[in-house]
């Protein structure tokens, strides 16, 4: 049986994971917003994105709280029922 990690090593590895998740949400926010409003405009038959839609933004969950189930619920909420689980 392997020795358990020290508390300090566990905290350090978790901080690195949280920092990576925060960086990912920062990097993805603008492209996701652009794609979301373009798709919404296409779905509604708009030739251009209405100005009031430019304030639509992703509302990211804190990466401090890891939950695969929460991610799956989010995908199901937007209508993608093919997520395994």
PDB file of N, CA and C in Angstrom:
ATOM      1  N   UNK A   1       0.845  -1.176   0.000  1.00  0.00           N
ATOM      2  CA  UNK A   1       0.000   0.000   0.000  1.00  0.00           C
ATOM      3  C   UNK A   1       0.893   1.243   0.000  1.00  0.00           C
ATOM      4  N   UNK A   2       0.605   2.183  -0.859  1.00  0.00           N
ATOM      5  CA  UNK A   2       1.399   3.408  -0.967  1.00  0.00           C
ATOM      6  C   UNK A   2       1.128   4.318   0.223  1.00  0.00           C
ATOM      7  N   UNK A   3       2.126   5.095   0.562  1.00  0.00           N
ATOM      8  CA  UNK A   3       1.954   6.063   1.642  1.00  0.00           C
ATOM      9  C   UNK A   3       1.017   7.177   1.190  1.00  0.00           C
ATOM     10  N   UNK A   4       0.150   7.643   2.062  1.00  0.00           N
ATOM     11  CA  UNK A   4      -0.707   8.769   1.685  1.00  0.00           C
ATOM     12  C   UNK A   4       0.115  10.043   1.513  1.00  0.00           C
ATOM     13  N   UNK A   5      -0.384  10.934   0.694  1.00  0.00           N
ATOM     14  CA  UNK A   5       0.311  12.202   0.484  1.00  0.00           C
ATOM     15  C   UNK A   5       0.299  13.015   1.765  1.00  0.00           C
ATOM     16  N   UNK A   6       1.312  13.849   1.906  1.00  0.00           N
ATOM     17  CA  UNK A   6       1.294  14.773   3.036  1.00  0.00           C
ATOM     18  C   UNK A   6       0.227  15.827   2.781  1.00  0.00           C
ATOM     19  N   UNK A   7      -0.237  16.445   3.824  1.00  0.00           N
ATOM     20  CA  UNK A   7      -1.267  17.482   3.687  1.00  0.00           C
ATOM     21  C   UNK A   7      -0.767  18.618   2.798  1.00  0.00           C
ATOM     22  N   UNK A   8       0.498  18.996   2.965  1.00  0.00           N
ATOM     23  CA  UNK A   8       1.049  20.095   2.161  1.00  0.00           C
ATOM     24  C   UNK A   8       1.109  19.728   0.680  1.00  0.00           C
ATOM     25  N   UNK A   9       1.488  18.491   0.373  1.00  0.00           N
ATOM     26  CA  UNK A   9       1.558  18.061  -1.029  1.00  0.00           C
ATOM     27  C   UNK A   9       0.164  18.021  -1.638  1.00  0.00           C
ATOM     28  N   UNK A  10      -0.816  17.576  -0.868  1.00  0.00           N
ATOM     29  CA  UNK A  10      -2.188  17.529  -1.365  1.00  0.00           C
ATOM     30  C   UNK A  10      -2.695  18.939  -1.659  1.00  0.00           C
ATOM     31  N   UNK A  11      -2.481  19.866  -0.756  1.00  0.00           N
ATOM     32  CA  UNK A  11      -2.929  21.248  -0.937  1.00  0.00           C
ATOM     33  C   UNK A  11      -2.242  21.871  -2.142  1.00  0.00           C
ATOM     34  N   UNK A  12      -0.938  21.645  -2.284  1.00  0.00           N
ATOM     35  CA  UNK A  12      -0.197  22.206  -3.418  1.00  0.00           C
ATOM     36  C   UNK A  12      -0.719  21.655  -4.739  1.00  0.00           C
ATOM     37  N   UNK A  13      -0.994  20.357  -4.803  1.00  0.00           N
ATOM     38  CA  UNK A  13      -1.478  19.783  -6.060  1.00  0.00           C
ATOM     39  C   UNK A  13      -2.883  20.299  -6.375  1.00  0.00           C
ATOM     40  N   UNK A  14      -3.685  20.486  -5.358  1.00  0.00           N
ATOM     41  CA  UNK A  14      -5.043  21.010  -5.561  1.00  0.00           C
ATOM     42  C   UNK A  14      -5.000  22.465  -6.018  1.00  0.00           C
ATOM     43  N   UNK A  15      -4.083  23.254  -5.463  1.00  0.00           N
ATOM     44  CA  UNK A  15      -3.954  24.655  -5.879  1.00  0.00           C
ATOM     45  C   UNK A  15      -3.544  24.758  -7.341  1.00  0.00           C
ATOM     46  N   UNK A  16      -2.660  23.865  -7.790  1.00  0.00           N
ATOM     47  CA  UNK A  16      -2.254  23.868  -9.197  1.00  0.00           C
ATOM     48  C   UNK A  16      -3.441  23.529 -10.103  1.00  0.00           C
ATOM     49  N   UNK A  17      -4.246  22.565  -9.697  1.00  0.00           N
ATOM     50  CA  UNK A  17      -5.417  22.176 -10.468  1.00  0.00           C
ATOM     51  C   UNK A  17      -6.439  23.316 -10.525  1.00  0.00           C
ATOM     52  N   UNK A  18      -6.663  23.978  -9.407  1.00  0.00           N
ATOM     53  CA  UNK A  18      -7.601  25.099  -9.353  1.00  0.00           C
ATOM     54  C   UNK A  18      -7.104  26.247 -10.216  1.00  0.00           C
ATOM     55  N   UNK A  19      -5.812  26.540 -10.165  1.00  0.00           N
ATOM     56  CA  UNK A  19      -5.242  27.612 -10.993  1.00  0.00           C
ATOM     57  C   UNK A  19      -5.401  27.288 -12.478  1.00  0.00           C
ATOM     58  N   UNK A  20      -5.195  26.031 -12.843  1.00  0.00           N
ATOM     59  CA  UNK A  20      -5.363  25.629 -14.250  1.00  0.00           C
ATOM     60  C   UNK A  20      -6.822  25.780 -14.675  1.00  0.00           C
ATOM     61  N   UNK A  21      -7.754  25.400 -13.811  1.00  0.00           N
ATOM     62  CA  UNK A  21      -9.180  25.526 -14.133  1.00  0.00           C
ATOM     63  C   UNK A  21      -9.578  26.994 -14.262  1.00  0.00           C
ATOM     64  N   UNK A  22      -9.071  27.848 -13.386  1.00  0.00           N
ATOM     65  CA  UNK A  22      -9.371  29.280 -13.477  1.00  0.00           C
ATOM     66  C   UNK A  22      -8.823  29.869 -14.779  1.00  0.00           C
ATOM     67  N   UNK A  23      -7.619  29.463 -15.151  1.00  0.00           N
ATOM     68  CA  UNK A  23      -7.028  29.949 -16.402  1.00  0.00           C
ATOM     69  C   UNK A  23      -7.862  29.492 -17.600  1.00  0.00           C
ATOM     70  N   UNK A  24      -8.348  28.255 -17.551  1.00  0.00           N
ATOM     71  CA  UNK A  24      -9.167  27.742 -18.654  1.00  0.00           C
ATOM     72  C   UNK A  24     -10.453  28.545 -18.790  1.00  0.00           C
ATOM     73  N   UNK A  25     -11.128  28.833 -17.683  1.00  0.00           N
ATOM     74  CA  UNK A  25     -12.377  29.591 -17.791  1.00  0.00           C
ATOM     75  C   UNK A  25     -12.111  31.013 -18.262  1.00  0.00           C
ATOM     76  N   UNK A  26     -10.994  31.583 -17.861  1.00  0.00           N
ATOM     77  CA  UNK A  26     -10.632  32.918 -18.363  1.00  0.00           C
ATOM     78  C   UNK A  26     -10.408  32.880 -19.874  1.00  0.00           C
ATOM     79  N   UNK A  27      -9.695  31.854 -20.336  1.00  0.00           N
ATOM     80  CA  UNK A  27      -9.386  31.732 -21.759  1.00  0.00           C
ATOM     81  C   UNK A  27     -10.625  31.420 -22.598  1.00  0.00           C
ATOM     82  N   UNK A  28     -11.556  30.673 -22.052  1.00  0.00           N
ATOM     83  CA  UNK A  28     -12.718  30.223 -22.817  1.00  0.00           C
ATOM     84  C   UNK A  28     -13.880  31.191 -22.791  1.00  0.00           C
ATOM     85  N   UNK A  29     -13.924  32.119 -21.861  1.00  0.00           N
ATOM     86  CA  UNK A  29     -15.105  32.977 -21.688  1.00  0.00           C
ATOM     87  C   UNK A  29     -15.460  33.780 -22.938  1.00  0.00           C
ATOM     88  N   UNK A  30     -14.509  34.485 -23.518  1.00  0.00           N
ATOM     89  CA  UNK A  30     -14.798  35.330 -24.683  1.00  0.00           C
ATOM     90  C   UNK A  30     -15.187  34.507 -25.911  1.00  0.00           C
ATOM     91  N   UNK A  31     -14.418  33.474 -26.272  1.00  0.00           N
ATOM     92  CA  UNK A  31     -14.838  32.684 -27.436  1.00  0.00           C
ATOM     93  C   UNK A  31     -16.178  31.974 -27.218  1.00  0.00           C
ATOM     94  N   UNK A  32     -16.431  31.524 -26.005  1.00  0.00           N
ATOM     95  CA  UNK A  32     -17.701  30.880 -25.719  1.00  0.00           C
ATOM     96  C   UNK A  32     -18.854  31.870 -25.849  1.00  0.00           C
ATOM     97  N   UNK A  33     -18.675  33.088 -25.344  1.00  0.00           N
ATOM     98  CA  UNK A  33     -19.716  34.107 -25.447  1.00  0.00           C
ATOM     99  C   UNK A  33     -20.003  34.423 -26.907  1.00  0.00           C
ATOM    100  N   UNK A  34     -18.956  34.603 -27.698  1.00  0.00           N
ATOM    101  CA  UNK A  34     -19.142  34.903 -29.122  1.00  0.00           C
ATOM    102  C   UNK A  34     -19.901  33.788 -29.830  1.00  0.00           C
ATOM    103  N   UNK A  35     -19.509  32.557 -29.576  1.00  0.00           N
ATOM    104  CA  UNK A  35     -20.160  31.411 -30.205  1.00  0.00           C
ATOM    105  C   UNK A  35     -21.604  31.293 -29.753  1.00  0.00           C
ATOM    106  N   UNK A  36     -21.835  31.518 -28.473  1.00  0.00           N
ATOM    107  CA  UNK A  36     -23.183  31.408 -27.924  1.00  0.00           C
ATOM    108  C   UNK A  36     -24.134  32.420 -28.557  1.00  0.00           C
ATOM    109  N   UNK A  37     -23.714  33.671 -28.678  1.00  0.00           N
ATOM    110  CA  UNK A  37     -24.619  34.677 -29.247  1.00  0.00           C
ATOM    111  C   UNK A  37     -24.801  34.485 -30.758  1.00  0.00           C
ATOM    112  N   UNK A  38     -23.766  34.013 -31.446  1.00  0.00           N
ATOM    113  CA  UNK A  38     -23.928  33.718 -32.879  1.00  0.00           C
ATOM    114  C   UNK A  38     -24.918  32.574 -33.076  1.00  0.00           C
ATOM    115  N   UNK A  39     -24.792  31.526 -32.268  1.00  0.00           N
ATOM    116  CA  UNK A  39     -25.711  30.391 -32.370  1.00  0.00           C
ATOM    117  C   UNK A  39     -27.134  30.819 -32.022  1.00  0.00           C
ATOM    118  N   UNK A  40     -27.284  31.646 -31.027  1.00  0.00           N
ATOM    119  CA  UNK A  40     -28.608  32.139 -30.647  1.00  0.00           C
ATOM    120  C   UNK A  40     -29.227  32.967 -31.776  1.00  0.00           C
ATOM    121  N   UNK A  41     -28.403  33.798 -32.409  1.00  0.00           N
ATOM    122  CA  UNK A  41     -28.895  34.602 -33.540  1.00  0.00           C
ATOM    123  C   UNK A  41     -29.314  33.693 -34.695  1.00  0.00           C
ATOM    124  N   UNK A  42     -28.517  32.676 -34.992  1.00  0.00           N
ATOM    125  CA  UNK A  42     -28.858  31.749 -36.070  1.00  0.00           C
ATOM    126  C   UNK A  42     -30.150  31.013 -35.741  1.00  0.00           C
ATOM    127  N   UNK A  43     -30.277  30.567 -34.526  1.00  0.00           N
ATOM    128  CA  UNK A  43     -31.479  29.828 -34.109  1.00  0.00           C
ATOM    129  C   UNK A  43     -32.729  30.684 -34.233  1.00  0.00           C
ATOM    130  N   UNK A  44     -32.590  31.988 -33.978  1.00  0.00           N
ATOM    131  CA  UNK A  44     -33.735  32.889 -34.024  1.00  0.00           C
ATOM    132  C   UNK A  44     -33.896  33.593 -35.368  1.00  0.00           C
ATOM    133  N   UNK A  45     -33.108  33.192 -36.366  1.00  0.00           N
ATOM    134  CA  UNK A  45     -33.240  33.750 -37.701  1.00  0.00           C
ATOM    135  C   UNK A  45     -32.759  35.190 -37.831  1.00  0.00           C
ATOM    136  N   UNK A  46     -31.886  35.609 -36.953  1.00  0.00           N
ATOM    137  CA  UNK A  46     -31.339  36.974 -37.006  1.00  0.00           C
ATOM    138  C   UNK A  46     -30.155  36.996 -37.971  1.00  0.00           C
ATOM    139  N   UNK A  47     -30.058  38.045 -38.780  1.00  0.00           N
ATOM    140  CA  UNK A  47     -28.913  38.159 -39.687  1.00  0.00           C
ATOM    141  C   UNK A  47     -27.701  38.745 -38.959  1.00  0.00           C
ATOM    142  N   UNK A  48     -27.946  39.521 -37.919  1.00  0.00           N
ATOM    143  CA  UNK A  48     -26.878  40.079 -37.083  1.00  0.00           C
ATOM    144  C   UNK A  48     -27.212  39.804 -35.625  1.00  0.00           C
ATOM    145  N   UNK A  49     -26.189  39.868 -34.793  1.00  0.00           N
ATOM    146  CA  UNK A  49     -26.397  39.686 -33.354  1.00  0.00           C
ATOM    147  C   UNK A  49     -26.930  40.989 -32.774  1.00  0.00           C
ATOM    148  N   UNK A  50     -28.119  40.958 -32.159  1.00  0.00           N
ATOM    149  CA  UNK A  50     -28.655  42.179 -31.548  1.00  0.00           C
ATOM    150  C   UNK A  50     -27.717  42.705 -30.453  1.00  0.00           C
ATOM    151  N   UNK A  51     -27.600  44.008 -30.364  1.00  0.00           N
ATOM    152  CA  UNK A  51     -26.673  44.631 -29.411  1.00  0.00           C
ATOM    153  C   UNK A  51     -26.931  44.205 -27.975  1.00  0.00           C
ATOM    154  N   UNK A  52     -28.202  44.022 -27.601  1.00  0.00           N
ATOM    155  CA  UNK A  52     -28.491  43.656 -26.217  1.00  0.00           C
ATOM    156  C   UNK A  52     -28.011  42.247 -25.868  1.00  0.00           C
ATOM    157  N   UNK A  53     -27.765  41.414 -26.863  1.00  0.00           N
ATOM    158  CA  UNK A  53     -27.256  40.077 -26.602  1.00  0.00           C
ATOM    159  C   UNK A  53     -25.760  40.080 -26.297  1.00  0.00           C
ATOM    160  N   UNK A  54     -25.091  41.168 -26.592  1.00  0.00           N
ATOM    161  CA  UNK A  54     -23.641  41.222 -26.364  1.00  0.00           C
ATOM    162  C   UNK A  54     -23.273  41.208 -24.885  1.00  0.00           C
ATOM    163  N   UNK A  55     -24.262  41.346 -24.030  1.00  0.00           N
ATOM    164  CA  UNK A  55     -23.987  41.280 -22.584  1.00  0.00           C
ATOM    165  C   UNK A  55     -24.134  39.858 -22.046  1.00  0.00           C
ATOM    166  N   UNK A  56     -24.565  38.922 -22.893  1.00  0.00           N
ATOM    167  CA  UNK A  56     -24.678  37.528 -22.457  1.00  0.00           C
ATOM    168  C   UNK A  56     -23.276  37.009 -22.149  1.00  0.00           C
ATOM    169  N   UNK A  57     -23.149  36.346 -21.015  1.00  0.00           N
ATOM    170  CA  UNK A  57     -21.839  35.819 -20.616  1.00  0.00           C
ATOM    171  C   UNK A  57     -22.018  34.503 -19.871  1.00  0.00           C
ATOM    172  N   UNK A  58     -21.002  33.677 -19.932  1.00  0.00           N
ATOM    173  CA  UNK A  58     -21.018  32.416 -19.187  1.00  0.00           C
ATOM    174  C   UNK A  58     -20.926  32.715 -17.698  1.00  0.00           C
ATOM    175  N   UNK A  59     -21.614  31.927 -16.934  1.00  0.00           N
ATOM    176  CA  UNK A  59     -21.555  32.054 -15.479  1.00  0.00           C
ATOM    177  C   UNK A  59     -20.849  30.798 -14.973  1.00  0.00           C
ATOM    178  N   UNK A  60     -19.544  30.928 -14.774  1.00  0.00           N
ATOM    179  CA  UNK A  60     -18.731  29.778 -14.419  1.00  0.00           C
ATOM    180  C   UNK A  60     -18.898  29.422 -12.946  1.00  0.00           C
ATOM    181  N   UNK A  61     -18.869  28.175 -12.695  1.00  0.00           N
ATOM    182  CA  UNK A  61     -18.873  27.653 -11.337  1.00  0.00           C
ATOM    183  C   UNK A  61     -17.455  27.745 -10.791  1.00  0.00           C
ATOM    184  N   UNK A  62     -17.321  27.963  -9.504  1.00  0.00           N
ATOM    185  CA  UNK A  62     -15.992  28.052  -8.905  1.00  0.00           C
ATOM    186  C   UNK A  62     -15.246  26.730  -9.062  1.00  0.00           C
ATOM    187  N   UNK A  63     -13.995  26.775  -9.540  1.00  0.00           N
ATOM    188  CA  UNK A  63     -13.230  25.534  -9.685  1.00  0.00           C
ATOM    189  C   UNK A  63     -12.803  24.946  -8.341  1.00  0.00           C
ATOM    190  N   UNK A  64     -13.077  25.651  -7.259  1.00  0.00           N
ATOM    191  CA  UNK A  64     -12.771  25.114  -5.932  1.00  0.00           C
ATOM    192  C   UNK A  64     -13.626  23.894  -5.633  1.00  0.00           C
ATOM    193  N   UNK A  65     -14.795  23.807  -6.270  1.00  0.00           N
ATOM    194  CA  UNK A  65     -15.733  22.730  -5.989  1.00  0.00           C
ATOM    195  C   UNK A  65     -15.820  21.826  -7.202  1.00  0.00           C
ATOM    196  N   UNK A  66     -15.186  20.691  -7.121  1.00  0.00           N
ATOM    197  CA  UNK A  66     -15.146  19.759  -8.231  1.00  0.00           C
ATOM    198  C   UNK A  66     -16.365  18.863  -8.178  1.00  0.00           C
ATOM    199  N   UNK A  67     -17.041  18.724  -9.296  1.00  0.00           N
ATOM    200  CA  UNK A  67     -18.198  17.855  -9.346  1.00  0.00           C
ATOM    201  C   UNK A  67     -18.494  17.454 -10.776  1.00  0.00           C
ATOM    202  N   UNK A  68     -18.266  16.214 -11.097  1.00  0.00           N
ATOM    203  CA  UNK A  68     -18.597  15.700 -12.424  1.00  0.00           C
ATOM    204  C   UNK A  68     -20.103  15.724 -12.625  1.00  0.00           C
ATOM    205  N   UNK A  69     -20.847  15.410 -11.579  1.00  0.00           N
ATOM    206  CA  UNK A  69     -22.302  15.371 -11.674  1.00  0.00           C
ATOM    207  C   UNK A  69     -22.865  16.744 -12.005  1.00  0.00           C
ATOM    208  N   UNK A  70     -22.289  17.811 -11.433  1.00  0.00           N
ATOM    209  CA  UNK A  70     -22.763  19.162 -11.725  1.00  0.00           C
ATOM    210  C   UNK A  70     -22.533  19.505 -13.190  1.00  0.00           C
ATOM    211  N   UNK A  71     -21.410  19.092 -13.746  1.00  0.00           N
ATOM    212  CA  UNK A  71     -21.143  19.328 -15.161  1.00  0.00           C
ATOM    213  C   UNK A  71     -22.127  18.600 -16.047  1.00  0.00           C
ATOM    214  N   UNK A  72     -22.441  17.377 -15.682  1.00  0.00           N
ATOM    215  CA  UNK A  72     -23.399  16.597 -16.457  1.00  0.00           C
ATOM    216  C   UNK A  72     -24.781  17.243 -16.405  1.00  0.00           C
ATOM    217  N   UNK A  73     -25.186  17.727 -15.230  1.00  0.00           N
ATOM    218  CA  UNK A  73     -26.485  18.401 -15.116  1.00  0.00           C
ATOM    219  C   UNK A  73     -26.524  19.638 -15.999  1.00  0.00           C
ATOM    220  N   UNK A  74     -25.408  20.367 -16.080  1.00  0.00           N
ATOM    221  CA  UNK A  74     -25.370  21.559 -16.920  1.00  0.00           C
ATOM    222  C   UNK A  74     -25.559  21.226 -18.386  1.00  0.00           C
ATOM    223  N   UNK A  75     -24.905  20.171 -18.840  1.00  0.00           N
ATOM    224  CA  UNK A  75     -25.048  19.753 -20.230  1.00  0.00           C
ATOM    225  C   UNK A  75     -26.474  19.299 -20.493  1.00  0.00           C
ATOM    226  N   UNK A  76     -27.053  18.561 -19.564  1.00  0.00           N
ATOM    227  CA  UNK A  76     -28.430  18.095 -19.742  1.00  0.00           C
ATOM    228  C   UNK A  76     -29.411  19.262 -19.752  1.00  0.00           C
ATOM    229  N   UNK A  77     -29.103  20.302 -19.007  1.00  0.00           N
ATOM    230  CA  UNK A  77     -30.003  21.469 -18.939  1.00  0.00           C
ATOM    231  C   UNK A  77     -30.129  22.167 -20.292  1.00  0.00           C
ATOM    232  N   UNK A  78     -29.082  22.093 -21.107  1.00  0.00           N
ATOM    233  CA  UNK A  78     -29.153  22.736 -22.420  1.00  0.00           C
ATOM    234  C   UNK A  78     -29.616  21.769 -23.504  1.00  0.00           C
ATOM    235  N   UNK A  79     -30.017  20.566 -23.112  1.00  0.00           N
ATOM    236  CA  UNK A  79     -30.661  19.666 -24.053  1.00  0.00           C
ATOM    237  C   UNK A  79     -29.817  18.570 -24.636  1.00  0.00           C
ATOM    238  N   UNK A  80     -28.612  18.380 -24.174  1.00  0.00           N
ATOM    239  CA  UNK A  80     -27.761  17.309 -24.694  1.00  0.00           C
ATOM    240  C   UNK A  80     -27.913  16.111 -23.759  1.00  0.00           C
ATOM    241  N   UNK A  81     -28.832  15.225 -24.088  1.00  0.00           N
ATOM    242  CA  UNK A  81     -29.143  14.092 -23.209  1.00  0.00           C
ATOM    243  C   UNK A  81     -28.236  12.876 -23.461  1.00  0.00           C
ATOM    244  N   UNK A  82     -27.259  13.007 -24.338  1.00  0.00           N
ATOM    245  CA  UNK A  82     -26.430  11.860 -24.666  1.00  0.00           C
ATOM    246  C   UNK A  82     -25.258  11.670 -23.724  1.00  0.00           C
ATOM    247  N   UNK A  83     -25.170  12.470 -22.663  1.00  0.00           N
ATOM    248  CA  UNK A  83     -24.075  12.349 -21.711  1.00  0.00           C
ATOM    249  C   UNK A  83     -24.259  11.062 -20.920  1.00  0.00           C
ATOM    250  N   UNK A  84     -23.232  10.237 -20.893  1.00  0.00           N
ATOM    251  CA  UNK A  84     -23.319   8.974 -20.167  1.00  0.00           C
ATOM    252  C   UNK A  84     -23.403   9.229 -18.673  1.00  0.00           C
ATOM    253  N   UNK A  85     -24.078   8.373 -17.977  1.00  0.00           N
ATOM    254  CA  UNK A  85     -24.064   8.500 -16.536  1.00  0.00           C
ATOM    255  C   UNK A  85     -25.371   8.384 -15.950  1.00  0.00           C
TER     256      UNK A  85
END
